[in-house]
PDB file of N, CA and C in Angstrom:
ATOM      1  N   UNK A   1      15.086 -23.111   2.703  1.00  0.00           N
ATOM      2  CA  UNK A   1      14.855 -22.309   3.651  1.00  0.00           C
ATOM      3  C   UNK A   1      14.393 -23.281   5.028  1.00  0.00           C
ATOM      4  N   UNK A   2      14.969 -22.560   6.206  1.00  0.00           N
ATOM      5  CA  UNK A   2      14.628 -23.260   7.585  1.00  0.00           C
ATOM      6  C   UNK A   2      13.331 -23.093   7.926  1.00  0.00           C
ATOM      7  N   UNK A   3      12.644 -23.899   7.628  1.00  0.00           N
ATOM      8  CA  UNK A   3      10.882 -23.894   8.034  1.00  0.00           C
ATOM      9  C   UNK A   3      10.635 -23.811   9.654  1.00  0.00           C
ATOM     10  N   UNK A   4      11.688 -24.104  10.551  1.00  0.00           N
ATOM     11  CA  UNK A   4      11.718 -23.686  11.746  1.00  0.00           C
ATOM     12  C   UNK A   4      11.392 -22.374  12.030  1.00  0.00           C
ATOM     13  N   UNK A   5      12.058 -21.257  11.185  1.00  0.00           N
ATOM     14  CA  UNK A   5      12.307 -19.912  11.413  1.00  0.00           C
ATOM     15  C   UNK A   5      10.927 -19.453  10.749  1.00  0.00           C
ATOM     16  N   UNK A   6      10.071 -20.107  10.168  1.00  0.00           N
ATOM     17  CA  UNK A   6       8.895 -19.396   9.531  1.00  0.00           C
ATOM     18  C   UNK A   6       7.862 -18.877  10.989  1.00  0.00           C
ATOM     19  N   UNK A   7       7.411 -17.872  10.633  1.00  0.00           N
ATOM     20  CA  UNK A   7       6.552 -17.258  11.779  1.00  0.00           C
ATOM     21  C   UNK A   7       6.183 -15.565  11.524  1.00  0.00           C
ATOM     22  N   UNK A   8       5.478 -14.795  12.213  1.00  0.00           N
ATOM     23  CA  UNK A   8       5.586 -13.623  12.202  1.00  0.00           C
ATOM     24  C   UNK A   8       6.328 -13.186  13.579  1.00  0.00           C
ATOM     25  N   UNK A   9       7.136 -12.107  12.848  1.00  0.00           N
ATOM     26  CA  UNK A   9       8.182 -11.510  13.705  1.00  0.00           C
ATOM     27  C   UNK A   9       7.773 -10.016  14.069  1.00  0.00           C
ATOM     28  N   UNK A  10       8.389  -9.598  15.214  1.00  0.00           N
ATOM     29  CA  UNK A  10       7.975  -8.261  15.397  1.00  0.00           C
ATOM     30  C   UNK A  10       9.571  -7.788  15.659  1.00  0.00           C
ATOM     31  N   UNK A  11       9.819  -6.352  15.438  1.00  0.00           N
ATOM     32  CA  UNK A  11      10.907  -5.529  16.035  1.00  0.00           C
ATOM     33  C   UNK A  11      10.613  -4.135  16.370  1.00  0.00           C
ATOM     34  N   UNK A  12      11.089  -4.251  17.721  1.00  0.00           N
ATOM     35  CA  UNK A  12      10.744  -3.165  18.421  1.00  0.00           C
ATOM     36  C   UNK A  12      11.655  -1.846  18.030  1.00  0.00           C
ATOM     37  N   UNK A  13      10.935  -0.715  18.175  1.00  0.00           N
ATOM     38  CA  UNK A  13      11.657   0.400  18.123  1.00  0.00           C
ATOM     39  C   UNK A  13      12.348   0.987  19.239  1.00  0.00           C
ATOM     40  N   UNK A  14      13.570   0.910  19.614  1.00  0.00           N
ATOM     41  CA  UNK A  14      14.193   1.310  20.927  1.00  0.00           C
ATOM     42  C   UNK A  14      15.241   2.662  20.880  1.00  0.00           C
ATOM     43  N   UNK A  15      14.598   3.642  21.327  1.00  0.00           N
ATOM     44  CA  UNK A  15      15.614   4.872  21.366  1.00  0.00           C
ATOM     45  C   UNK A  15      16.225   4.902  19.929  1.00  0.00           C
ATOM     46  N   UNK A  16      15.280   4.761  18.792  1.00  0.00           N
ATOM     47  CA  UNK A  16      15.447   5.251  17.605  1.00  0.00           C
ATOM     48  C   UNK A  16      16.080   3.943  16.397  1.00  0.00           C
ATOM     49  N   UNK A  17      16.437   2.895  17.271  1.00  0.00           N
ATOM     50  CA  UNK A  17      17.132   1.718  16.868  1.00  0.00           C
ATOM     51  C   UNK A  17      16.044   0.485  16.691  1.00  0.00           C
ATOM     52  N   UNK A  18      16.177  -0.344  15.493  1.00  0.00           N
ATOM     53  CA  UNK A  18      15.230  -1.319  15.739  1.00  0.00           C
ATOM     54  C   UNK A  18      15.760  -2.641  16.255  1.00  0.00           C
ATOM     55  N   UNK A  19      15.310  -3.015  17.379  1.00  0.00           N
ATOM     56  CA  UNK A  19      15.876  -4.467  18.323  1.00  0.00           C
ATOM     57  C   UNK A  19      16.002  -5.548  17.209  1.00  0.00           C
ATOM     58  N   UNK A  20      16.585  -6.639  17.515  1.00  0.00           N
ATOM     59  CA  UNK A  20      16.325  -7.826  16.984  1.00  0.00           C
ATOM     60  C   UNK A  20      15.015  -8.443  16.921  1.00  0.00           C
ATOM     61  N   UNK A  21      14.623  -8.921  15.772  1.00  0.00           N
ATOM     62  CA  UNK A  21      13.485  -9.642  15.756  1.00  0.00           C
ATOM     63  C   UNK A  21      13.096 -10.755  16.347  1.00  0.00           C
ATOM     64  N   UNK A  22      11.857 -10.588  17.117  1.00  0.00           N
ATOM     65  CA  UNK A  22      11.347 -11.691  17.927  1.00  0.00           C
ATOM     66  C   UNK A  22      10.188 -12.153  17.119  1.00  0.00           C
ATOM     67  N   UNK A  23      10.162 -13.664  17.173  1.00  0.00           N
ATOM     68  CA  UNK A  23       9.069 -14.199  16.847  1.00  0.00           C
ATOM     69  C   UNK A  23       7.666 -14.211  17.544  1.00  0.00           C
ATOM     70  N   UNK A  24       6.591 -13.650  17.096  1.00  0.00           N
ATOM     71  CA  UNK A  24       5.226 -13.722  17.920  1.00  0.00           C
ATOM     72  C   UNK A  24       4.987 -15.061  18.157  1.00  0.00           C
ATOM     73  N   UNK A  25       4.271 -15.594  19.157  1.00  0.00           N
ATOM     74  CA  UNK A  25       3.710 -16.764  19.927  1.00  0.00           C
ATOM     75  C   UNK A  25       3.304 -17.591  18.510  1.00  0.00           C
ATOM     76  N   UNK A  26       3.998 -18.729  18.173  1.00  0.00           N
ATOM     77  CA  UNK A  26       3.593 -19.687  17.161  1.00  0.00           C
ATOM     78  C   UNK A  26       2.172 -20.431  17.464  1.00  0.00           C
ATOM     79  N   UNK A  27       2.055 -20.259  18.528  1.00  0.00           N
ATOM     80  CA  UNK A  27       0.742 -21.294  19.241  1.00  0.00           C
ATOM     81  C   UNK A  27      -0.603 -20.354  18.798  1.00  0.00           C
ATOM     82  N   UNK A  28      -0.198 -18.875  18.603  1.00  0.00           N
ATOM     83  CA  UNK A  28      -1.344 -18.121  18.519  1.00  0.00           C
ATOM     84  C   UNK A  28      -1.620 -17.710  16.984  1.00  0.00           C
ATOM     85  N   UNK A  29      -0.531 -17.642  16.121  1.00  0.00           N
ATOM     86  CA  UNK A  29      -0.370 -17.496  14.817  1.00  0.00           C
ATOM     87  C   UNK A  29      -0.318 -18.414  14.098  1.00  0.00           C
ATOM     88  N   UNK A  30       0.441 -19.718  14.248  1.00  0.00           N
ATOM     89  CA  UNK A  30       0.352 -20.739  13.335  1.00  0.00           C
ATOM     90  C   UNK A  30       1.323 -20.449  12.066  1.00  0.00           C
ATOM     91  N   UNK A  31       0.385 -20.757  10.974  1.00  0.00           N
ATOM     92  CA  UNK A  31       0.721 -20.779   9.732  1.00  0.00           C
ATOM     93  C   UNK A  31       0.421 -19.830   9.137  1.00  0.00           C
ATOM     94  N   UNK A  32      -0.408 -18.452   9.989  1.00  0.00           N
ATOM     95  CA  UNK A  32      -0.392 -17.271   9.191  1.00  0.00           C
ATOM     96  C   UNK A  32       0.676 -16.752   8.315  1.00  0.00           C
ATOM     97  N   UNK A  33      -0.061 -15.809   7.283  1.00  0.00           N
ATOM     98  CA  UNK A  33       0.801 -15.274   6.441  1.00  0.00           C
ATOM     99  C   UNK A  33       0.303 -13.619   6.170  1.00  0.00           C
ATOM    100  N   UNK A  34       1.124 -13.028   5.456  1.00  0.00           N
ATOM    101  CA  UNK A  34       0.928 -11.435   5.228  1.00  0.00           C
ATOM    102  C   UNK A  34       0.247 -10.696   6.099  1.00  0.00           C
ATOM    103  N   UNK A  35       1.112 -10.594   7.287  1.00  0.00           N
ATOM    104  CA  UNK A  35       0.769  -9.827   8.132  1.00  0.00           C
ATOM    105  C   UNK A  35       0.643  -8.100   7.875  1.00  0.00           C
ATOM    106  N   UNK A  36      -0.145  -7.274   8.413  1.00  0.00           N
ATOM    107  CA  UNK A  36      -0.162  -5.839   8.706  1.00  0.00           C
ATOM    108  C   UNK A  36      -0.966  -5.325   9.602  1.00  0.00           C
ATOM    109  N   UNK A  37       0.162  -4.511  10.090  1.00  0.00           N
ATOM    110  CA  UNK A  37      -0.359  -3.664  11.342  1.00  0.00           C
ATOM    111  C   UNK A  37      -1.088  -2.232  11.176  1.00  0.00           C
ATOM    112  N   UNK A  38      -2.333  -2.249  11.855  1.00  0.00           N
ATOM    113  CA  UNK A  38      -3.088  -0.992  11.616  1.00  0.00           C
ATOM    114  C   UNK A  38      -2.106   0.335  12.157  1.00  0.00           C
ATOM    115  N   UNK A  39      -2.622   1.524  11.314  1.00  0.00           N
ATOM    116  CA  UNK A  39      -1.317   2.742  11.836  1.00  0.00           C
ATOM    117  C   UNK A  39      -1.536   2.876  12.923  1.00  0.00           C
ATOM    118  N   UNK A  40      -2.592   2.710  13.951  1.00  0.00           N
ATOM    119  CA  UNK A  40      -2.364   2.991  15.535  1.00  0.00           C
ATOM    120  C   UNK A  40      -1.650   1.806  16.168  1.00  0.00           C
ATOM    121  N   UNK A  41      -1.049   0.708  15.359  1.00  0.00           N
ATOM    122  CA  UNK A  41      -0.545  -0.266  15.930  1.00  0.00           C
ATOM    123  C   UNK A  41      -1.257  -1.158  16.945  1.00  0.00           C
ATOM    124  N   UNK A  42      -2.728  -0.977  16.871  1.00  0.00           N
ATOM    125  CA  UNK A  42      -3.106  -2.109  17.935  1.00  0.00           C
ATOM    126  C   UNK A  42      -4.004  -3.260  17.458  1.00  0.00           C
ATOM    127  N   UNK A  43      -4.009  -3.374  15.884  1.00  0.00           N
ATOM    128  CA  UNK A  43      -4.465  -4.730  15.376  1.00  0.00           C
ATOM    129  C   UNK A  43      -3.622  -5.138  14.222  1.00  0.00           C
ATOM    130  N   UNK A  44      -3.529  -6.404  14.514  1.00  0.00           N
ATOM    131  CA  UNK A  44      -2.488  -7.062  13.388  1.00  0.00           C
ATOM    132  C   UNK A  44      -3.743  -7.830  12.526  1.00  0.00           C
ATOM    133  N   UNK A  45      -3.614  -7.712  11.135  1.00  0.00           N
ATOM    134  CA  UNK A  45      -4.369  -8.743  10.217  1.00  0.00           C
ATOM    135  C   UNK A  45      -3.496  -9.515   9.510  1.00  0.00           C
ATOM    136  N   UNK A  46      -4.171 -10.987   9.310  1.00  0.00           N
ATOM    137  CA  UNK A  46      -3.205 -11.846   8.621  1.00  0.00           C
ATOM    138  C   UNK A  46      -4.251 -12.865   7.753  1.00  0.00           C
ATOM    139  N   UNK A  47      -3.770 -13.601   6.929  1.00  0.00           N
ATOM    140  CA  UNK A  47      -4.456 -14.619   6.333  1.00  0.00           C
ATOM    141  C   UNK A  47      -3.926 -15.984   6.833  1.00  0.00           C
ATOM    142  N   UNK A  48      -5.070 -16.948   7.040  1.00  0.00           N
ATOM    143  CA  UNK A  48      -4.449 -18.284   7.708  1.00  0.00           C
ATOM    144  C   UNK A  48      -5.615 -19.353   7.236  1.00  0.00           C
ATOM    145  N   UNK A  49      -5.291 -20.444   7.383  1.00  0.00           N
ATOM    146  CA  UNK A  49      -6.225 -21.489   7.136  1.00  0.00           C
ATOM    147  C   UNK A  49      -6.501 -22.413   8.622  1.00  0.00           C
ATOM    148  N   UNK A  50      -7.411 -22.026   8.966  1.00  0.00           N
ATOM    149  CA  UNK A  50      -7.596 -22.647  10.895  1.00  0.00           C
ATOM    150  C   UNK A  50      -9.061 -23.355  10.468  1.00  0.00           C
ATOM    151  N   UNK A  51      -9.141 -24.380  11.570  1.00  0.00           N
ATOM    152  CA  UNK A  51     -10.334 -24.899  11.717  1.00  0.00           C
ATOM    153  C   UNK A  51     -11.477 -24.043  11.958  1.00  0.00           C
ATOM    154  N   UNK A  52     -12.548 -24.078  11.347  1.00  0.00           N
ATOM    155  CA  UNK A  52     -13.856 -23.223  11.896  1.00  0.00           C
ATOM    156  C   UNK A  52     -13.974 -22.003  10.724  1.00  0.00           C
ATOM    157  N   UNK A  53     -12.721 -21.955   9.897  1.00  0.00           N
ATOM    158  CA  UNK A  53     -12.874 -20.966   9.084  1.00  0.00           C
ATOM    159  C   UNK A  53     -13.998 -21.037   8.292  1.00  0.00           C
ATOM    160  N   UNK A  54     -13.792 -20.414   6.983  1.00  0.00           N
ATOM    161  CA  UNK A  54     -15.310 -20.400   6.097  1.00  0.00           C
ATOM    162  C   UNK A  54     -14.891 -21.164   4.938  1.00  0.00           C
ATOM    163  N   UNK A  55     -13.593 -22.030   4.815  1.00  0.00           N
ATOM    164  CA  UNK A  55     -13.452 -22.832   3.713  1.00  0.00           C
ATOM    165  C   UNK A  55     -11.816 -22.854   2.969  1.00  0.00           C
ATOM    166  N   UNK A  56     -11.235 -21.684   3.002  1.00  0.00           N
ATOM    167  CA  UNK A  56     -10.026 -21.674   2.524  1.00  0.00           C
ATOM    168  C   UNK A  56      -9.176 -20.488   3.290  1.00  0.00           C
ATOM    169  N   UNK A  57      -8.467 -19.807   2.668  1.00  0.00           N
ATOM    170  CA  UNK A  57      -7.877 -18.656   3.391  1.00  0.00           C
ATOM    171  C   UNK A  57      -8.754 -17.706   3.938  1.00  0.00           C
ATOM    172  N   UNK A  58      -8.688 -17.223   4.975  1.00  0.00           N
ATOM    173  CA  UNK A  58      -9.379 -16.216   5.598  1.00  0.00           C
ATOM    174  C   UNK A  58      -8.717 -15.152   6.300  1.00  0.00           C
ATOM    175  N   UNK A  59      -9.350 -14.067   6.363  1.00  0.00           N
ATOM    176  CA  UNK A  59      -8.531 -12.876   7.197  1.00  0.00           C
ATOM    177  C   UNK A  59      -8.911 -13.103   8.284  1.00  0.00           C
ATOM    178  N   UNK A  60      -7.922 -12.907   9.416  1.00  0.00           N
ATOM    179  CA  UNK A  60      -7.918 -12.799  10.713  1.00  0.00           C
ATOM    180  C   UNK A  60      -7.518 -11.617  11.548  1.00  0.00           C
ATOM    181  N   UNK A  61      -7.928 -11.185  12.777  1.00  0.00           N
ATOM    182  CA  UNK A  61      -7.082 -10.159  13.478  1.00  0.00           C
ATOM    183  C   UNK A  61      -6.832 -10.507  14.755  1.00  0.00           C
ATOM    184  N   UNK A  62      -5.857  -9.792  15.293  1.00  0.00           N
ATOM    185  CA  UNK A  62      -5.240 -10.235  16.541  1.00  0.00           C
ATOM    186  C   UNK A  62      -5.095  -8.862  17.118  1.00  0.00           C
ATOM    187  N   UNK A  63      -5.788  -8.298  18.589  1.00  0.00           N
ATOM    188  CA  UNK A  63      -5.900  -7.261  18.944  1.00  0.00           C
ATOM    189  C   UNK A  63      -4.587  -7.210  20.088  1.00  0.00           C
ATOM    190  N   UNK A  64      -3.962  -6.281  20.156  1.00  0.00           N
ATOM    191  CA  UNK A  64      -2.711  -5.789  21.317  1.00  0.00           C
ATOM    192  C   UNK A  64      -3.553  -5.179  22.351  1.00  0.00           C
ATOM    193  N   UNK A  65      -3.247  -5.762  23.398  1.00  0.00           N
ATOM    194  CA  UNK A  65      -3.828  -5.306  24.771  1.00  0.00           C
ATOM    195  C   UNK A  65      -3.125  -4.221  25.526  1.00  0.00           C
ATOM    196  N   UNK A  66      -3.429  -3.881  26.489  1.00  0.00           N
ATOM    197  CA  UNK A  66      -2.952  -2.577  27.237  1.00  0.00           C
ATOM    198  C   UNK A  66      -1.078  -2.716  27.553  1.00  0.00           C
ATOM    199  N   UNK A  67      -0.999  -4.159  27.771  1.00  0.00           N
ATOM    200  CA  UNK A  67       0.525  -4.520  28.103  1.00  0.00           C
ATOM    201  C   UNK A  67       1.238  -4.746  26.697  1.00  0.00           C
ATOM    202  N   UNK A  68       0.655  -4.500  25.943  1.00  0.00           N
ATOM    203  CA  UNK A  68       1.427  -4.901  24.457  1.00  0.00           C
ATOM    204  C   UNK A  68       1.505  -6.057  23.852  1.00  0.00           C
ATOM    205  N   UNK A  69       0.558  -6.924  24.499  1.00  0.00           N
ATOM    206  CA  UNK A  69       0.787  -8.234  24.027  1.00  0.00           C
ATOM    207  C   UNK A  69      -0.114  -8.720  22.738  1.00  0.00           C
ATOM    208  N   UNK A  70      -0.207  -9.269  21.938  1.00  0.00           N
ATOM    209  CA  UNK A  70      -1.084  -9.630  20.589  1.00  0.00           C
ATOM    210  C   UNK A  70      -1.931 -10.875  21.206  1.00  0.00           C
ATOM    211  N   UNK A  71      -3.211 -10.653  20.943  1.00  0.00           N
ATOM    212  CA  UNK A  71      -4.208 -11.803  21.526  1.00  0.00           C
ATOM    213  C   UNK A  71      -4.327 -12.941  20.267  1.00  0.00           C
ATOM    214  N   UNK A  72      -5.303 -13.790  20.820  1.00  0.00           N
ATOM    215  CA  UNK A  72      -5.557 -15.082  19.745  1.00  0.00           C
ATOM    216  C   UNK A  72      -6.161 -14.308  18.788  1.00  0.00           C
ATOM    217  N   UNK A  73      -6.075 -14.996  17.336  1.00  0.00           N
ATOM    218  CA  UNK A  73      -6.650 -14.658  16.248  1.00  0.00           C
ATOM    219  C   UNK A  73      -7.919 -14.593  16.286  1.00  0.00           C
ATOM    220  N   UNK A  74      -8.479 -13.872  15.719  1.00  0.00           N
ATOM    221  CA  UNK A  74     -10.135 -13.735  15.608  1.00  0.00           C
ATOM    222  C   UNK A  74     -10.823 -13.723  14.105  1.00  0.00           C
ATOM    223  N   UNK A  75     -11.400 -14.747  13.676  1.00  0.00           N
ATOM    224  CA  UNK A  75     -11.787 -14.553  12.219  1.00  0.00           C
ATOM    225  C   UNK A  75     -12.730 -13.260  11.984  1.00  0.00           C
ATOM    226  N   UNK A  76     -12.667 -12.716  10.908  1.00  0.00           N
ATOM    227  CA  UNK A  76     -13.281 -11.422  10.791  1.00  0.00           C
ATOM    228  C   UNK A  76     -14.711 -12.017  10.175  1.00  0.00           C
ATOM    229  N   UNK A  77     -14.952 -12.911  10.010  1.00  0.00           N
ATOM    230  CA  UNK A  77     -16.448 -13.171   9.838  1.00  0.00           C
ATOM    231  C   UNK A  77     -17.046 -13.051   8.303  1.00  0.00           C
ATOM    232  N   UNK A  78     -18.143 -13.115   8.250  1.00  0.00           N
ATOM    233  CA  UNK A  78     -18.888 -13.406   6.756  1.00  0.00           C
ATOM    234  C   UNK A  78     -18.747 -11.908   6.125  1.00  0.00           C
ATOM    235  N   UNK A  79     -18.529 -10.554   6.787  1.00  0.00           N
ATOM    236  CA  UNK A  79     -18.183  -9.426   6.108  1.00  0.00           C
ATOM    237  C   UNK A  79     -17.125  -9.380   5.244  1.00  0.00           C
ATOM    238  N   UNK A  80     -16.099 -10.395   5.368  1.00  0.00           N
ATOM    239  CA  UNK A  80     -15.033 -10.297   4.674  1.00  0.00           C
ATOM    240  C   UNK A  80     -14.779 -11.742   4.035  1.00  0.00           C
ATOM    241  N   UNK A  81     -15.016 -12.910   4.786  1.00  0.00           N
ATOM    242  CA  UNK A  81     -14.395 -14.114   4.549  1.00  0.00           C
ATOM    243  C   UNK A  81     -15.745 -15.049   3.668  1.00  0.00           C
ATOM    244  N   UNK A  82     -15.295 -15.878   2.873  1.00  0.00           N
ATOM    245  CA  UNK A  82     -16.046 -16.660   1.983  1.00  0.00           C
ATOM    246  C   UNK A  82     -15.553 -17.756   1.734  1.00  0.00           C
ATOM    247  N   UNK A  83     -16.057 -19.051   1.167  1.00  0.00           N
ATOM    248  CA  UNK A  83     -15.614 -20.323   0.624  1.00  0.00           C
ATOM    249  C   UNK A  83     -14.330 -19.971   0.061  1.00  0.00           C
ATOM    250  N   UNK A  84     -14.170 -18.850  -0.599  1.00  0.00           N
ATOM    251  CA  UNK A  84     -13.016 -18.621  -1.398  1.00  0.00           C
ATOM    252  C   UNK A  84     -11.775 -18.345  -0.764  1.00  0.00           C
ATOM    253  N   UNK A  85     -10.623 -18.040  -1.329  1.00  0.00           N
ATOM    254  CA  UNK A  85      -9.733 -17.335  -0.510  1.00  0.00           C
ATOM    255  C   UNK A  85      -9.389 -16.109  -0.642  1.00  0.00           C
ATOM    256  N   UNK A  86      -9.291 -15.491   0.626  1.00  0.00           N
ATOM    257  CA  UNK A  86      -9.247 -14.053   1.281  1.00  0.00           C
ATOM    258  C   UNK A  86      -7.873 -14.028   1.502  1.00  0.00           C
ATOM    259  N   UNK A  87      -7.113 -12.873   1.266  1.00  0.00           N
ATOM    260  CA  UNK A  87      -5.489 -12.653   1.622  1.00  0.00           C
ATOM    261  C   UNK A  87      -5.196 -11.448   1.388  1.00  0.00           C
ATOM    262  N   UNK A  88      -3.985 -11.136   1.699  1.00  0.00           N
ATOM    263  CA  UNK A  88      -3.415  -9.886   1.412  1.00  0.00           C
ATOM    264  C   UNK A  88      -4.029  -8.504   2.111  1.00  0.00           C
ATOM    265  N   UNK A  89      -4.731  -8.811   3.432  1.00  0.00           N
ATOM    266  CA  UNK A  89      -5.224  -7.670   3.840  1.00  0.00           C
ATOM    267  C   UNK A  89      -4.197  -6.257   4.543  1.00  0.00           C
ATOM    268  N   UNK A  90      -4.801  -5.234   4.110  1.00  0.00           N
ATOM    269  CA  UNK A  90      -3.931  -4.093   4.536  1.00  0.00           C
ATOM    270  C   UNK A  90      -4.769  -2.875   4.710  1.00  0.00           C
ATOM    271  N   UNK A  91      -4.360  -2.244   5.644  1.00  0.00           N
ATOM    272  CA  UNK A  91      -5.213  -0.727   6.000  1.00  0.00           C
ATOM    273  C   UNK A  91      -5.055   0.486   5.173  1.00  0.00           C
ATOM    274  N   UNK A  92      -5.934   1.287   5.060  1.00  0.00           N
ATOM    275  CA  UNK A  92      -5.708   2.334   4.391  1.00  0.00           C
ATOM    276  C   UNK A  92      -4.963   3.258   5.478  1.00  0.00           C
ATOM    277  N   UNK A  93      -4.232   4.015   4.869  1.00  0.00           N
ATOM    278  CA  UNK A  93      -3.245   4.929   5.738  1.00  0.00           C
ATOM    279  C   UNK A  93      -4.025   5.732   7.043  1.00  0.00           C
ATOM    280  N   UNK A  94      -5.215   5.981   6.811  1.00  0.00           N
ATOM    281  CA  UNK A  94      -6.094   6.710   8.036  1.00  0.00           C
ATOM    282  C   UNK A  94      -6.215   5.569   8.783  1.00  0.00           C
ATOM    283  N   UNK A  95      -6.460   4.147   8.579  1.00  0.00           N
ATOM    284  CA  UNK A  95      -6.975   3.279   9.236  1.00  0.00           C
ATOM    285  C   UNK A  95      -8.477   3.098   9.332  1.00  0.00           C
ATOM    286  N   UNK A  96      -9.396   3.661   8.498  1.00  0.00           N
ATOM    287  CA  UNK A  96     -10.547   3.601   8.096  1.00  0.00           C
ATOM    288  C   UNK A  96     -11.040   2.354   7.456  1.00  0.00           C
ATOM    289  N   UNK A  97     -10.637   1.815   6.669  1.00  0.00           N
ATOM    290  CA  UNK A  97     -10.550   0.884   5.573  1.00  0.00           C
ATOM    291  C   UNK A  97      -9.722  -0.445   5.694  1.00  0.00           C
ATOM    292  N   UNK A  98     -10.420  -1.871   5.378  1.00  0.00           N
ATOM    293  CA  UNK A  98      -9.257  -2.642   5.102  1.00  0.00           C
ATOM    294  C   UNK A  98      -9.507  -3.171   4.001  1.00  0.00           C
ATOM    295  N   UNK A  99      -8.349  -3.433   2.883  1.00  0.00           N
ATOM    296  CA  UNK A  99      -8.296  -3.858   1.763  1.00  0.00           C
ATOM    297  C   UNK A  99      -8.284  -5.251   1.855  1.00  0.00           C
ATOM    298  N   UNK A 100      -8.413  -6.116   0.945  1.00  0.00           N
ATOM    299  CA  UNK A 100      -7.884  -7.588   0.802  1.00  0.00           C
ATOM    300  C   UNK A 100      -8.422  -8.163  -0.594  1.00  0.00           C
ATOM    301  N   UNK A 101      -7.608  -9.202  -0.893  1.00  0.00           N
ATOM    302  CA  UNK A 101      -7.843  -9.872  -2.259  1.00  0.00           C
ATOM    303  C   UNK A 101      -8.769 -11.069  -1.996  1.00  0.00           C
ATOM    304  N   UNK A 102      -9.687 -11.330  -3.160  1.00  0.00           N
ATOM    305  CA  UNK A 102     -10.393 -12.472  -2.961  1.00  0.00           C
ATOM    306  C   UNK A 102     -10.171 -12.939  -4.472  1.00  0.00           C
ATOM    307  N   UNK A 103      -9.885 -14.141  -5.089  1.00  0.00           N
ATOM    308  CA  UNK A 103      -9.712 -14.602  -6.298  1.00  0.00           C
ATOM    309  C   UNK A 103      -9.548 -13.881  -7.243  1.00  0.00           C
ATOM    310  N   UNK A 104      -8.318 -13.111  -7.087  1.00  0.00           N
ATOM    311  CA  UNK A 104      -7.788 -12.260  -8.059  1.00  0.00           C
ATOM    312  C   UNK A 104      -8.240 -10.923  -8.119  1.00  0.00           C
ATOM    313  N   UNK A 105      -9.643 -10.407  -7.359  1.00  0.00           N
ATOM    314  CA  UNK A 105     -10.050  -9.220  -7.341  1.00  0.00           C
ATOM    315  C   UNK A 105      -9.899  -8.600  -5.734  1.00  0.00           C
ATOM    316  N   UNK A 106      -9.780  -7.285  -6.150  1.00  0.00           N
ATOM    317  CA  UNK A 106      -9.559  -6.366  -4.780  1.00  0.00           C
ATOM    318  C   UNK A 106     -10.764  -5.809  -4.243  1.00  0.00           C
ATOM    319  N   UNK A 107     -10.969  -6.165  -2.973  1.00  0.00           N
ATOM    320  CA  UNK A 107     -12.223  -5.658  -2.065  1.00  0.00           C
ATOM    321  C   UNK A 107     -11.887  -4.833  -0.850  1.00  0.00           C
ATOM    322  N   UNK A 108     -12.827  -3.867  -0.583  1.00  0.00           N
ATOM    323  CA  UNK A 108     -12.515  -3.042   0.794  1.00  0.00           C
ATOM    324  C   UNK A 108     -13.896  -2.906   1.461  1.00  0.00           C
ATOM    325  N   UNK A 109     -13.451  -2.827   2.701  1.00  0.00           N
ATOM    326  CA  UNK A 109     -14.850  -2.570   3.793  1.00  0.00           C
ATOM    327  C   UNK A 109     -14.154  -1.815   4.764  1.00  0.00           C
ATOM    328  N   UNK A 110     -15.330  -1.243   5.527  1.00  0.00           N
ATOM    329  CA  UNK A 110     -14.802  -0.598   6.859  1.00  0.00           C
ATOM    330  C   UNK A 110     -14.270  -1.199   7.607  1.00  0.00           C
ATOM    331  N   UNK A 111     -13.138  -0.611   8.512  1.00  0.00           N
ATOM    332  CA  UNK A 111     -12.615  -1.312   9.694  1.00  0.00           C
ATOM    333  C   UNK A 111     -13.405  -1.238  10.691  1.00  0.00           C
ATOM    334  N   UNK A 112     -14.661  -0.451  10.878  1.00  0.00           N
ATOM    335  CA  UNK A 112     -15.539  -0.988  11.702  1.00  0.00           C
ATOM    336  C   UNK A 112     -15.799  -2.457  11.844  1.00  0.00           C
ATOM    337  N   UNK A 113     -15.722  -3.315  10.848  1.00  0.00           N
ATOM    338  CA  UNK A 113     -15.851  -4.752  10.799  1.00  0.00           C
ATOM    339  C   UNK A 113     -14.949  -5.285  12.264  1.00  0.00           C
ATOM    340  N   UNK A 114     -13.945  -4.718  12.410  1.00  0.00           N
ATOM    341  CA  UNK A 114     -13.100  -4.924  13.756  1.00  0.00           C
ATOM    342  C   UNK A 114     -14.202  -4.978  15.057  1.00  0.00           C
ATOM    343  N   UNK A 115     -14.634  -3.981  15.015  1.00  0.00           N
ATOM    344  CA  UNK A 115     -15.421  -3.825  16.315  1.00  0.00           C
ATOM    345  C   UNK A 115     -16.515  -4.825  16.796  1.00  0.00           C
ATOM    346  N   UNK A 116     -16.926  -5.436  15.832  1.00  0.00           N
ATOM    347  CA  UNK A 116     -17.919  -6.662  15.956  1.00  0.00           C
ATOM    348  C   UNK A 116     -17.207  -8.177  16.486  1.00  0.00           C
ATOM    349  N   UNK A 117     -15.705  -8.075  16.223  1.00  0.00           N
ATOM    350  CA  UNK A 117     -15.081  -9.471  16.549  1.00  0.00           C
ATOM    351  C   UNK A 117     -14.195  -9.073  17.586  1.00  0.00           C
ATOM    352  N   UNK A 118     -13.537  -7.753  18.231  1.00  0.00           N
ATOM    353  CA  UNK A 118     -12.781  -7.553  19.027  1.00  0.00           C
ATOM    354  C   UNK A 118     -13.077  -8.017  20.481  1.00  0.00           C
ATOM    355  N   UNK A 119     -12.126  -8.629  20.938  1.00  0.00           N
ATOM    356  CA  UNK A 119     -12.539  -9.391  22.398  1.00  0.00           C
ATOM    357  C   UNK A 119     -12.823  -8.058  23.383  1.00  0.00           C
ATOM    358  N   UNK A 120     -13.542  -8.526  24.625  1.00  0.00           N
ATOM    359  CA  UNK A 120     -13.663  -7.378  25.620  1.00  0.00           C
ATOM    360  C   UNK A 120     -12.434  -7.013  26.376  1.00  0.00           C
ATOM    361  N   UNK A 121     -12.312  -5.938  26.564  1.00  0.00           N
ATOM    362  CA  UNK A 121     -11.181  -5.580  27.438  1.00  0.00           C
ATOM    363  C   UNK A 121      -9.922  -4.986  26.608  1.00  0.00           C
ATOM    364  N   UNK A 122     -10.129  -4.978  25.207  1.00  0.00           N
ATOM    365  CA  UNK A 122      -9.251  -4.527  24.402  1.00  0.00           C
ATOM    366  C   UNK A 122      -9.311  -3.123  23.607  1.00  0.00           C
TER     367      UNK A 122
END
């Protein structure tokens, strides 16, 4: 596989047809994996290993602004992340809960955890 093509891509729905996928800013998303977009299309959650995290893979969120641009990744903090590997985050269909894995187990938390890390203006 072409490692230069790795990243998180988005394909916009234009007049009922999905456009060619575009890679989101690698400077923002880096080596993030497991993307999942909230049902309201305003929050993207991923797992990544980044400096300043809790030790292993952590769950991060990116918030979309009014112009449709995705913001910098924000660590979801100790409500979700530990020194173990957290990954595979997804939203419940109603967007009220976030499910994720840690050390082979499945966990869930209220999506209200996002309110505590959401940048001002989003």
